Amino acid sequence: NYQMDMMRNLRNVNIDHLHVGWYQTTYYSSFLNKAFLESQYCYQSSIGEAVALVYDPTRTNQRDVAVRCFRLSSDVMESYKSGDISLSNCISQGISFENMFPE
């Protein structure tokens, strides 16, 4: 509620108020876990265009800036909404690691 009230107030005073998601810092690309899934589901349910930006400073030191952008696939959104994000349900729907988070 606070976030929505604040965005409404910013819009009322003509300040840019577009919110497109959230970001997370990770080390060695180890960010895919239940908390990441839940956070992205909440953002994507509220804001259809929501994305998660993932920044990896360890990979940035090795080469260029390492920023990746992710969304949950529509199949994962439906499974999560139905309350059945179990391994057996993912297998039966053809959800795999490769197609769970389109980049």
PDB file of N, CA and C in Angstrom:
ATOM      1  N   ASN A   1       0.817  -1.201   0.000  1.00  0.00           N
ATOM      2  CA  ASN A   1       0.000   0.000   0.000  1.00  0.00           C
ATOM      3  C   ASN A   1       0.857   1.259   0.000  1.00  0.00           C
ATOM      4  N   TYR A   2       1.913   1.249   0.792  1.00  0.00           N
ATOM      5  CA  TYR A   2       2.783   2.422   0.850  1.00  0.00           C
ATOM      6  C   TYR A   2       3.344   2.748  -0.529  1.00  0.00           C
ATOM      7  N   GLN A   3       3.809   1.709  -1.229  1.00  0.00           N
ATOM      8  CA  GLN A   3       4.404   1.917  -2.543  1.00  0.00           C
ATOM      9  C   GLN A   3       3.387   2.517  -3.516  1.00  0.00           C
ATOM     10  N   MET A   4       2.181   1.988  -3.527  1.00  0.00           N
ATOM     11  CA  MET A   4       1.152   2.514  -4.433  1.00  0.00           C
ATOM     12  C   MET A   4       0.782   3.955  -4.069  1.00  0.00           C
ATOM     13  N   ASP A   5       0.663   4.250  -2.780  1.00  0.00           N
ATOM     14  CA  ASP A   5       0.372   5.625  -2.343  1.00  0.00           C
ATOM     15  C   ASP A   5       1.480   6.573  -2.765  1.00  0.00           C
ATOM     16  N   MET A   6       2.714   6.141  -2.598  1.00  0.00           N
ATOM     17  CA  MET A   6       3.840   6.990  -2.973  1.00  0.00           C
ATOM     18  C   MET A   6       3.856   7.237  -4.480  1.00  0.00           C
ATOM     19  N   MET A   7       3.590   6.217  -5.279  1.00  0.00           N
ATOM     20  CA  MET A   7       3.569   6.398  -6.732  1.00  0.00           C
ATOM     21  C   MET A   7       2.433   7.335  -7.142  1.00  0.00           C
ATOM     22  N   ARG A   8       1.281   7.237  -6.489  1.00  0.00           N
ATOM     23  CA  ARG A   8       0.169   8.140  -6.759  1.00  0.00           C
ATOM     24  C   ARG A   8       0.549   9.583  -6.421  1.00  0.00           C
ATOM     25  N   ASN A   9       1.206   9.772  -5.288  1.00  0.00           N
ATOM     26  CA  ASN A   9       1.638  11.118  -4.882  1.00  0.00           C
ATOM     27  C   ASN A   9       2.666  11.690  -5.853  1.00  0.00           C
ATOM     28  N   LEU A  10       3.587  10.869  -6.319  1.00  0.00           N
ATOM     29  CA  LEU A  10       4.559  11.340  -7.295  1.00  0.00           C
ATOM     30  C   LEU A  10       3.880  11.736  -8.603  1.00  0.00           C
ATOM     31  N   ARG A  11       2.915  10.958  -9.026  1.00  0.00           N
ATOM     32  CA  ARG A  11       2.172  11.287 -10.245  1.00  0.00           C
ATOM     33  C   ARG A  11       1.419  12.608 -10.074  1.00  0.00           C
ATOM     34  N   ASN A  12       0.875  12.827  -8.886  1.00  0.00           N
ATOM     35  CA  ASN A  12       0.113  14.056  -8.634  1.00  0.00           C
ATOM     36  C   ASN A  12       0.964  15.311  -8.727  1.00  0.00           C
ATOM     37  N   VAL A  13       2.259  15.201  -8.428  1.00  0.00           N
ATOM     38  CA  VAL A  13       3.139  16.367  -8.529  1.00  0.00           C
ATOM     39  C   VAL A  13       3.985  16.326  -9.799  1.00  0.00           C
ATOM     40  N   ASN A  14       3.563  15.489 -10.754  1.00  0.00           N
ATOM     41  CA  ASN A  14       4.169  15.410 -12.086  1.00  0.00           C
ATOM     42  C   ASN A  14       5.634  14.966 -12.065  1.00  0.00           C
ATOM     43  N   ILE A  15       5.944  13.975 -11.229  1.00  0.00           N
ATOM     44  CA  ILE A  15       7.281  13.393 -11.187  1.00  0.00           C
ATOM     45  C   ILE A  15       7.181  11.989 -11.767  1.00  0.00           C
ATOM     46  N   ASP A  16       8.210  11.584 -12.490  1.00  0.00           N
ATOM     47  CA  ASP A  16       8.225  10.256 -13.089  1.00  0.00           C
ATOM     48  C   ASP A  16       7.975   9.206 -12.010  1.00  0.00           C
ATOM     49  N   HIS A  17       6.996   8.356 -12.226  1.00  0.00           N
ATOM     50  CA  HIS A  17       6.591   7.393 -11.208  1.00  0.00           C
ATOM     51  C   HIS A  17       6.481   5.969 -11.750  1.00  0.00           C
ATOM     52  N   LEU A  18       7.062   5.723 -12.892  1.00  0.00           N
ATOM     53  CA  LEU A  18       6.956   4.392 -13.476  1.00  0.00           C
ATOM     54  C   LEU A  18       7.885   3.418 -12.744  1.00  0.00           C
ATOM     55  N   HIS A  19       7.336   2.322 -12.351  1.00  0.00           N
ATOM     56  CA  HIS A  19       8.067   1.291 -11.621  1.00  0.00           C
ATOM     57  C   HIS A  19       8.047   0.036 -12.475  1.00  0.00           C
ATOM     58  N   VAL A  20       9.213  -0.466 -12.840  1.00  0.00           N
ATOM     59  CA  VAL A  20       9.252  -1.597 -13.764  1.00  0.00           C
ATOM     60  C   VAL A  20       9.785  -2.878 -13.149  1.00  0.00           C
ATOM     61  N   GLY A  21      10.059  -2.894 -11.874  1.00  0.00           N
ATOM     62  CA  GLY A  21      10.540  -4.120 -11.257  1.00  0.00           C
ATOM     63  C   GLY A  21      11.505  -3.855 -10.128  1.00  0.00           C
ATOM     64  N   TRP A  22      12.487  -4.723 -10.019  1.00  0.00           N
ATOM     65  CA  TRP A  22      13.409  -4.669  -8.900  1.00  0.00           C
ATOM     66  C   TRP A  22      14.768  -5.185  -9.341  1.00  0.00           C
ATOM     67  N   TYR A  23      15.753  -5.083  -8.466  1.00  0.00           N
ATOM     68  CA  TYR A  23      17.079  -5.583  -8.818  1.00  0.00           C
ATOM     69  C   TYR A  23      17.656  -6.391  -7.664  1.00  0.00           C
ATOM     70  N   GLN A  24      18.614  -7.213  -8.004  1.00  0.00           N
ATOM     71  CA  GLN A  24      19.294  -8.014  -7.000  1.00  0.00           C
ATOM     72  C   GLN A  24      20.758  -8.124  -7.385  1.00  0.00           C
ATOM     73  N   THR A  25      21.620  -8.021  -6.396  1.00  0.00           N
ATOM     74  CA  THR A  25      23.042  -8.255  -6.602  1.00  0.00           C
ATOM     75  C   THR A  25      23.324  -9.706  -6.263  1.00  0.00           C
ATOM     76  N   THR A  26      24.159 -10.332  -7.047  1.00  0.00           N
ATOM     77  CA  THR A  26      24.500 -11.736  -6.820  1.00  0.00           C
ATOM     78  C   THR A  26      25.998 -11.925  -7.002  1.00  0.00           C
ATOM     79  N   TYR A  27      26.501 -12.998  -6.485  1.00  0.00           N
ATOM     80  CA  TYR A  27      27.904 -13.331  -6.675  1.00  0.00           C
ATOM     81  C   TYR A  27      28.002 -14.667  -7.392  1.00  0.00           C
ATOM     82  N   TYR A  28      28.760 -14.676  -8.467  1.00  0.00           N
ATOM     83  CA  TYR A  28      28.954 -15.873  -9.286  1.00  0.00           C
ATOM     84  C   TYR A  28      27.628 -16.437  -9.795  1.00  0.00           C
ATOM     85  N   SER A  29      26.705 -15.543 -10.123  1.00  0.00           N
ATOM     86  CA  SER A  29      25.414 -15.890 -10.731  1.00  0.00           C
ATOM     87  C   SER A  29      24.587 -16.875  -9.906  1.00  0.00           C
ATOM     88  N   SER A  30      24.684 -16.797  -8.595  1.00  0.00           N
ATOM     89  CA  SER A  30      23.905 -17.705  -7.735  1.00  0.00           C
ATOM     90  C   SER A  30      22.713 -16.953  -7.138  1.00  0.00           C
ATOM     91  N   PHE A  31      21.680 -16.769  -7.937  1.00  0.00           N
ATOM     92  CA  PHE A  31      20.528 -15.989  -7.491  1.00  0.00           C
ATOM     93  C   PHE A  31      19.209 -16.737  -7.612  1.00  0.00           C
ATOM     94  N   LEU A  32      19.164 -17.824  -8.351  1.00  0.00           N
ATOM     95  CA  LEU A  32      17.901 -18.523  -8.556  1.00  0.00           C
ATOM     96  C   LEU A  32      17.556 -19.369  -7.333  1.00  0.00           C
ATOM     97  N   ASN A  33      16.570 -18.895  -6.585  1.00  0.00           N
ATOM     98  CA  ASN A  33      16.106 -19.614  -5.401  1.00  0.00           C
ATOM     99  C   ASN A  33      14.629 -19.279  -5.186  1.00  0.00           C
ATOM    100  N   LYS A  34      14.048 -19.828  -4.152  1.00  0.00           N
ATOM    101  CA  LYS A  34      12.619 -19.635  -3.902  1.00  0.00           C
ATOM    102  C   LYS A  34      12.283 -18.163  -3.638  1.00  0.00           C
ATOM    103  N   ALA A  35      13.138 -17.458  -2.918  1.00  0.00           N
ATOM    104  CA  ALA A  35      12.891 -16.036  -2.629  1.00  0.00           C
ATOM    105  C   ALA A  35      12.865 -15.211  -3.919  1.00  0.00           C
ATOM    106  N   PHE A  36      13.771 -15.519  -4.849  1.00  0.00           N
ATOM    107  CA  PHE A  36      13.795 -14.816  -6.129  1.00  0.00           C
ATOM    108  C   PHE A  36      12.508 -15.083  -6.896  1.00  0.00           C
ATOM    109  N   LEU A  37      12.091 -16.339  -6.932  1.00  0.00           N
ATOM    110  CA  LEU A  37      10.851 -16.728  -7.614  1.00  0.00           C
ATOM    111  C   LEU A  37       9.645 -16.013  -7.007  1.00  0.00           C
ATOM    112  N   GLU A  38       9.547 -16.002  -5.681  1.00  0.00           N
ATOM    113  CA  GLU A  38       8.418 -15.356  -5.009  1.00  0.00           C
ATOM    114  C   GLU A  38       8.402 -13.854  -5.250  1.00  0.00           C
ATOM    115  N   SER A  39       9.564 -13.223  -5.165  1.00  0.00           N
ATOM    116  CA  SER A  39       9.637 -11.773  -5.392  1.00  0.00           C
ATOM    117  C   SER A  39       9.226 -11.409  -6.807  1.00  0.00           C
ATOM    118  N   GLN A  40       9.746 -12.156  -7.789  1.00  0.00           N
ATOM    119  CA  GLN A  40       9.394 -11.851  -9.173  1.00  0.00           C
ATOM    120  C   GLN A  40       7.920 -12.124  -9.430  1.00  0.00           C
ATOM    121  N   TYR A  41       7.385 -13.172  -8.840  1.00  0.00           N
ATOM    122  CA  TYR A  41       5.954 -13.455  -9.008  1.00  0.00           C
ATOM    123  C   TYR A  41       5.115 -12.295  -8.460  1.00  0.00           C
ATOM    124  N   CYS A  42       5.455 -11.800  -7.291  1.00  0.00           N
ATOM    125  CA  CYS A  42       4.704 -10.686  -6.694  1.00  0.00           C
ATOM    126  C   CYS A  42       4.780  -9.445  -7.572  1.00  0.00           C
ATOM    127  N   TYR A  43       5.976  -9.104  -8.040  1.00  0.00           N
ATOM    128  CA  TYR A  43       6.118  -7.932  -8.908  1.00  0.00           C
ATOM    129  C   TYR A  43       5.367  -8.123 -10.217  1.00  0.00           C
ATOM    130  N   GLN A  44       5.525  -9.269 -10.830  1.00  0.00           N
ATOM    131  CA  GLN A  44       4.922  -9.512 -12.139  1.00  0.00           C
ATOM    132  C   GLN A  44       3.402  -9.628 -12.045  1.00  0.00           C
ATOM    133  N   SER A  45       2.883 -10.066 -10.894  1.00  0.00           N
ATOM    134  CA  SER A  45       1.429 -10.113 -10.699  1.00  0.00           C
ATOM    135  C   SER A  45       0.865  -8.707 -10.585  1.00  0.00           C
ATOM    136  N   SER A  46       1.604  -7.832  -9.923  1.00  0.00           N
ATOM    137  CA  SER A  46       1.140  -6.458  -9.720  1.00  0.00           C
ATOM    138  C   SER A  46       1.388  -5.580 -10.935  1.00  0.00           C
ATOM    139  N   ILE A  47       2.552  -5.753 -11.541  1.00  0.00           N
ATOM    140  CA  ILE A  47       2.964  -4.939 -12.686  1.00  0.00           C
ATOM    141  C   ILE A  47       3.289  -5.905 -13.815  1.00  0.00           C
ATOM    142  N   GLY A  48       2.433  -5.993 -14.794  1.00  0.00           N
ATOM    143  CA  GLY A  48       2.578  -6.979 -15.862  1.00  0.00           C
ATOM    144  C   GLY A  48       3.907  -6.943 -16.586  1.00  0.00           C
ATOM    145  N   GLU A  49       4.516  -5.765 -16.696  1.00  0.00           N
ATOM    146  CA  GLU A  49       5.775  -5.619 -17.422  1.00  0.00           C
ATOM    147  C   GLU A  49       6.994  -5.766 -16.523  1.00  0.00           C
ATOM    148  N   ALA A  50       6.814  -6.141 -15.277  1.00  0.00           N
ATOM    149  CA  ALA A  50       7.901  -6.161 -14.297  1.00  0.00           C
ATOM    150  C   ALA A  50       9.035  -7.092 -14.705  1.00  0.00           C
ATOM    151  N   VAL A  51      10.249  -6.641 -14.439  1.00  0.00           N
ATOM    152  CA  VAL A  51      11.442  -7.433 -14.701  1.00  0.00           C
ATOM    153  C   VAL A  51      12.312  -7.432 -13.446  1.00  0.00           C
ATOM    154  N   ALA A  52      13.210  -8.383 -13.384  1.00  0.00           N
ATOM    155  CA  ALA A  52      14.222  -8.441 -12.330  1.00  0.00           C
ATOM    156  C   ALA A  52      15.578  -8.233 -12.984  1.00  0.00           C
ATOM    157  N   LEU A  53      16.292  -7.214 -12.554  1.00  0.00           N
ATOM    158  CA  LEU A  53      17.649  -6.979 -13.033  1.00  0.00           C
ATOM    159  C   LEU A  53      18.604  -7.638 -12.050  1.00  0.00           C
ATOM    160  N   VAL A  54      19.531  -8.396 -12.553  1.00  0.00           N
ATOM    161  CA  VAL A  54      20.499  -9.096 -11.716  1.00  0.00           C
ATOM    162  C   VAL A  54      21.890  -8.596 -12.081  1.00  0.00           C
ATOM    163  N   TYR A  55      22.577  -8.079 -11.078  1.00  0.00           N
ATOM    164  CA  TYR A  55      23.923  -7.534 -11.265  1.00  0.00           C
ATOM    165  C   TYR A  55      24.926  -8.420 -10.531  1.00  0.00           C
ATOM    166  N   ASP A  56      25.986  -8.831 -11.237  1.00  0.00           N
ATOM    167  CA  ASP A  56      27.009  -9.684 -10.652  1.00  0.00           C
ATOM    168  C   ASP A  56      28.349  -8.951 -10.666  1.00  0.00           C
ATOM    169  N   PRO A  57      28.767  -8.363  -9.525  1.00  0.00           N
ATOM    170  CA  PRO A  57      30.025  -7.611  -9.504  1.00  0.00           C
ATOM    171  C   PRO A  57      31.261  -8.486  -9.718  1.00  0.00           C
ATOM    172  N   THR A  58      31.194  -9.769  -9.365  1.00  0.00           N
ATOM    173  CA  THR A  58      32.355 -10.633  -9.581  1.00  0.00           C
ATOM    174  C   THR A  58      32.604 -10.867 -11.067  1.00  0.00           C
ATOM    175  N   ARG A  59      31.538 -10.999 -11.831  1.00  0.00           N
ATOM    176  CA  ARG A  59      31.689 -11.164 -13.281  1.00  0.00           C
ATOM    177  C   ARG A  59      32.036  -9.839 -13.939  1.00  0.00           C
ATOM    178  N   THR A  60      31.609  -8.734 -13.348  1.00  0.00           N
ATOM    179  CA  THR A  60      31.937  -7.420 -13.881  1.00  0.00           C
ATOM    180  C   THR A  60      33.436  -7.171 -13.786  1.00  0.00           C
ATOM    181  N   ASN A  61      34.055  -7.605 -12.703  1.00  0.00           N
ATOM    182  CA  ASN A  61      35.495  -7.423 -12.556  1.00  0.00           C
ATOM    183  C   ASN A  61      36.282  -8.219 -13.589  1.00  0.00           C
ATOM    184  N   GLN A  62      35.728  -9.320 -14.041  1.00  0.00           N
ATOM    185  CA  GLN A  62      36.426 -10.173 -14.994  1.00  0.00           C
ATOM    186  C   GLN A  62      36.314  -9.669 -16.431  1.00  0.00           C
ATOM    187  N   ARG A  63      35.271  -8.929 -16.720  1.00  0.00           N
ATOM    188  CA  ARG A  63      35.061  -8.432 -18.085  1.00  0.00           C
ATOM    189  C   ARG A  63      34.115  -7.248 -18.032  1.00  0.00           C
ATOM    190  N   ASP A  64      33.194  -7.124 -18.997  1.00  0.00           N
ATOM    191  CA  ASP A  64      32.252  -6.019 -19.055  1.00  0.00           C
ATOM    192  C   ASP A  64      31.253  -6.082 -17.907  1.00  0.00           C
ATOM    193  N   VAL A  65      30.403  -5.085 -17.825  1.00  0.00           N
ATOM    194  CA  VAL A  65      29.362  -5.036 -16.802  1.00  0.00           C
ATOM    195  C   VAL A  65      28.421  -6.229 -16.991  1.00  0.00           C
ATOM    196  N   ALA A  66      28.189  -6.958 -15.916  1.00  0.00           N
ATOM    197  CA  ALA A  66      27.356  -8.163 -15.981  1.00  0.00           C
ATOM    198  C   ALA A  66      25.985  -7.876 -15.374  1.00  0.00           C
ATOM    199  N   VAL A  67      25.063  -7.439 -16.215  1.00  0.00           N
ATOM    200  CA  VAL A  67      23.684  -7.181 -15.801  1.00  0.00           C
ATOM    201  C   VAL A  67      22.781  -8.017 -16.695  1.00  0.00           C
ATOM    202  N   ARG A  68      21.894  -8.772 -16.070  1.00  0.00           N
ATOM    203  CA  ARG A  68      20.954  -9.600 -16.825  1.00  0.00           C
ATOM    204  C   ARG A  68      19.541  -9.243 -16.387  1.00  0.00           C
ATOM    205  N   CYS A  69      18.598  -9.461 -17.266  1.00  0.00           N
ATOM    206  CA  CYS A  69      17.200  -9.109 -17.019  1.00  0.00           C
ATOM    207  C   CYS A  69      16.334 -10.359 -17.185  1.00  0.00           C
ATOM    208  N   PHE A  70      15.451 -10.606 -16.201  1.00  0.00           N
ATOM    209  CA  PHE A  70      14.631 -11.817 -16.224  1.00  0.00           C
ATOM    210  C   PHE A  70      13.160 -11.513 -15.965  1.00  0.00           C
ATOM    211  N   ARG A  71      12.307 -12.394 -16.492  1.00  0.00           N
ATOM    212  CA  ARG A  71      10.874 -12.422 -16.214  1.00  0.00           C
ATOM    213  C   ARG A  71      10.480 -13.877 -16.009  1.00  0.00           C
ATOM    214  N   LEU A  72       9.370 -14.102 -15.350  1.00  0.00           N
ATOM    215  CA  LEU A  72       8.844 -15.463 -15.238  1.00  0.00           C
ATOM    216  C   LEU A  72       8.039 -15.781 -16.491  1.00  0.00           C
ATOM    217  N   SER A  73       8.140 -16.999 -16.968  1.00  0.00           N
ATOM    218  CA  SER A  73       7.352 -17.395 -18.134  1.00  0.00           C
ATOM    219  C   SER A  73       5.878 -17.467 -17.742  1.00  0.00           C
ATOM    220  N   SER A  74       5.006 -17.416 -18.720  1.00  0.00           N
ATOM    221  CA  SER A  74       3.565 -17.461 -18.449  1.00  0.00           C
ATOM    222  C   SER A  74       3.163 -18.793 -17.810  1.00  0.00           C
ATOM    223  N   ASP A  75       3.828 -19.893 -18.184  1.00  0.00           N
ATOM    224  CA  ASP A  75       3.533 -21.195 -17.572  1.00  0.00           C
ATOM    225  C   ASP A  75       3.849 -21.194 -16.076  1.00  0.00           C
ATOM    226  N   VAL A  76       4.974 -20.595 -15.709  1.00  0.00           N
ATOM    227  CA  VAL A  76       5.345 -20.528 -14.294  1.00  0.00           C
ATOM    228  C   VAL A  76       4.366 -19.623 -13.545  1.00  0.00           C
ATOM    229  N   MET A  77       3.967 -18.524 -14.153  1.00  0.00           N
ATOM    230  CA  MET A  77       3.009 -17.615 -13.510  1.00  0.00           C
ATOM    231  C   MET A  77       1.702 -18.352 -13.218  1.00  0.00           C
ATOM    232  N   GLU A  78       1.218 -19.126 -14.175  1.00  0.00           N
ATOM    233  CA  GLU A  78      -0.032 -19.876 -13.987  1.00  0.00           C
ATOM    234  C   GLU A  78       0.122 -20.947 -12.906  1.00  0.00           C
ATOM    235  N   SER A  79       1.234 -21.670 -12.917  1.00  0.00           N
ATOM    236  CA  SER A  79       1.465 -22.706 -11.901  1.00  0.00           C
ATOM    237  C   SER A  79       1.544 -22.094 -10.509  1.00  0.00           C
ATOM    238  N   TYR A  80       2.255 -20.982 -10.407  1.00  0.00           N
ATOM    239  CA  TYR A  80       2.401 -20.323  -9.103  1.00  0.00           C
ATOM    240  C   TYR A  80       1.050 -19.809  -8.618  1.00  0.00           C
ATOM    241  N   LYS A  81       0.275 -19.256  -9.548  1.00  0.00           N
ATOM    242  CA  LYS A  81      -1.053 -18.737  -9.201  1.00  0.00           C
ATOM    243  C   LYS A  81      -1.972 -19.846  -8.709  1.00  0.00           C
ATOM    244  N   SER A  82      -1.878 -21.028  -9.312  1.00  0.00           N
ATOM    245  CA  SER A  82      -2.717 -22.150  -8.901  1.00  0.00           C
ATOM    246  C   SER A  82      -2.244 -22.761  -7.585  1.00  0.00           C
ATOM    247  N   GLY A  83      -1.054 -22.374  -7.144  1.00  0.00           N
ATOM    248  CA  GLY A  83      -0.532 -22.885  -5.885  1.00  0.00           C
ATOM    249  C   GLY A  83       0.233 -24.175  -6.017  1.00  0.00           C
ATOM    250  N   ASP A  84       0.460 -24.630  -7.249  1.00  0.00           N
ATOM    251  CA  ASP A  84       1.174 -25.893  -7.442  1.00  0.00           C
ATOM    252  C   ASP A  84       2.438 -25.658  -8.258  1.00  0.00           C
ATOM    253  N   ILE A  85       3.491 -25.280  -7.568  1.00  0.00           N
ATOM    254  CA  ILE A  85       4.773 -25.056  -8.231  1.00  0.00           C
ATOM    255  C   ILE A  85       5.728 -26.202  -7.893  1.00  0.00           C
ATOM    256  N   SER A  86       5.149 -27.371  -7.660  1.00  0.00           N
ATOM    257  CA  SER A  86       5.937 -28.551  -7.297  1.00  0.00           C
ATOM    258  C   SER A  86       6.744 -29.054  -8.478  1.00  0.00           C
ATOM    259  N   LEU A  87       7.731 -29.861  -8.180  1.00  0.00           N
ATOM    260  CA  LEU A  87       8.580 -30.427  -9.214  1.00  0.00           C
ATOM    261  C   LEU A  87       7.771 -31.283 -10.184  1.00  0.00           C
ATOM    262  N   SER A  88       6.860 -32.102  -9.658  1.00  0.00           N
ATOM    263  CA  SER A  88       6.059 -32.972 -10.534  1.00  0.00           C
ATOM    264  C   SER A  88       5.168 -32.160 -11.469  1.00  0.00           C
ATOM    265  N   ASN A  89       4.605 -31.059 -10.966  1.00  0.00           N
ATOM    266  CA  ASN A  89       3.767 -30.201 -11.813  1.00  0.00           C
ATOM    267  C   ASN A  89       4.612 -29.526 -12.891  1.00  0.00           C
ATOM    268  N   CYS A  90       5.789 -29.069 -12.532  1.00  0.00           N
ATOM    269  CA  CYS A  90       6.669 -28.432 -13.521  1.00  0.00           C
ATOM    270  C   CYS A  90       7.045 -29.420 -14.625  1.00  0.00           C
ATOM    271  N   ILE A  91       7.354 -30.637 -14.240  1.00  0.00           N
ATOM    272  CA  ILE A  91       7.710 -31.665 -15.231  1.00  0.00           C
ATOM    273  C   ILE A  91       6.534 -31.957 -16.152  1.00  0.00           C
ATOM    274  N   SER A  92       5.333 -32.099 -15.567  1.00  0.00           N
ATOM    275  CA  SER A  92       4.156 -32.418 -16.387  1.00  0.00           C
ATOM    276  C   SER A  92       3.788 -31.282 -17.342  1.00  0.00           C
ATOM    277  N   GLN A  93       4.116 -30.032 -16.975  1.00  0.00           N
ATOM    278  CA  GLN A  93       3.811 -28.897 -17.846  1.00  0.00           C
ATOM    279  C   GLN A  93       4.967 -28.528 -18.766  1.00  0.00           C
ATOM    280  N   GLY A  94       6.051 -29.259 -18.666  1.00  0.00           N
ATOM    281  CA  GLY A  94       7.197 -28.981 -19.530  1.00  0.00           C
ATOM    282  C   GLY A  94       8.007 -27.775 -19.092  1.00  0.00           C
ATOM    283  N   ILE A  95       7.884 -27.384 -17.846  1.00  0.00           N
ATOM    284  CA  ILE A  95       8.649 -26.247 -17.323  1.00  0.00           C
ATOM    285  C   ILE A  95      10.011 -26.759 -16.875  1.00  0.00           C
ATOM    286  N   SER A  96      11.043 -26.169 -17.421  1.00  0.00           N
ATOM    287  CA  SER A  96      12.403 -26.550 -17.043  1.00  0.00           C
ATOM    288  C   SER A  96      13.185 -25.295 -16.677  1.00  0.00           C
ATOM    289  N   PHE A  97      14.388 -25.495 -16.196  1.00  0.00           N
ATOM    290  CA  PHE A  97      15.241 -24.361 -15.834  1.00  0.00           C
ATOM    291  C   PHE A  97      15.443 -23.442 -17.028  1.00  0.00           C
ATOM    292  N   GLU A  98      15.560 -24.018 -18.215  1.00  0.00           N
ATOM    293  CA  GLU A  98      15.837 -23.239 -19.415  1.00  0.00           C
ATOM    294  C   GLU A  98      14.686 -22.305 -19.802  1.00  0.00           C
ATOM    295  N   ASN A  99      13.423 -22.720 -19.522  1.00  0.00           N
ATOM    296  CA  ASN A  99      12.297 -21.865 -19.938  1.00  0.00           C
ATOM    297  C   ASN A  99      11.529 -21.256 -18.771  1.00  0.00           C
ATOM    298  N   MET A 100      12.042 -21.401 -17.554  1.00  0.00           N
ATOM    299  CA  MET A 100      11.367 -20.830 -16.388  1.00  0.00           C
ATOM    300  C   MET A 100      11.527 -19.310 -16.323  1.00  0.00           C
ATOM    301  N   PHE A 101      12.727 -18.829 -16.580  1.00  0.00           N
ATOM    302  CA  PHE A 101      13.032 -17.405 -16.528  1.00  0.00           C
ATOM    303  C   PHE A 101      13.556 -16.926 -17.882  1.00  0.00           C
ATOM    304  N   PRO A 102      12.663 -16.562 -18.800  1.00  0.00           N
ATOM    305  CA  PRO A 102      13.184 -16.008 -20.072  1.00  0.00           C
ATOM    306  C   PRO A 102      14.026 -14.769 -19.798  1.00  0.00           C
ATOM    307  N   GLU A 103      15.168 -14.717 -20.421  1.00  0.00           N
ATOM    308  CA  GLU A 103      16.096 -13.608 -20.199  1.00  0.00           C
ATOM    309  C   GLU A 103      15.888 -12.532 -21.241  1.00  0.00           C
TER     310      GLU A 103
END
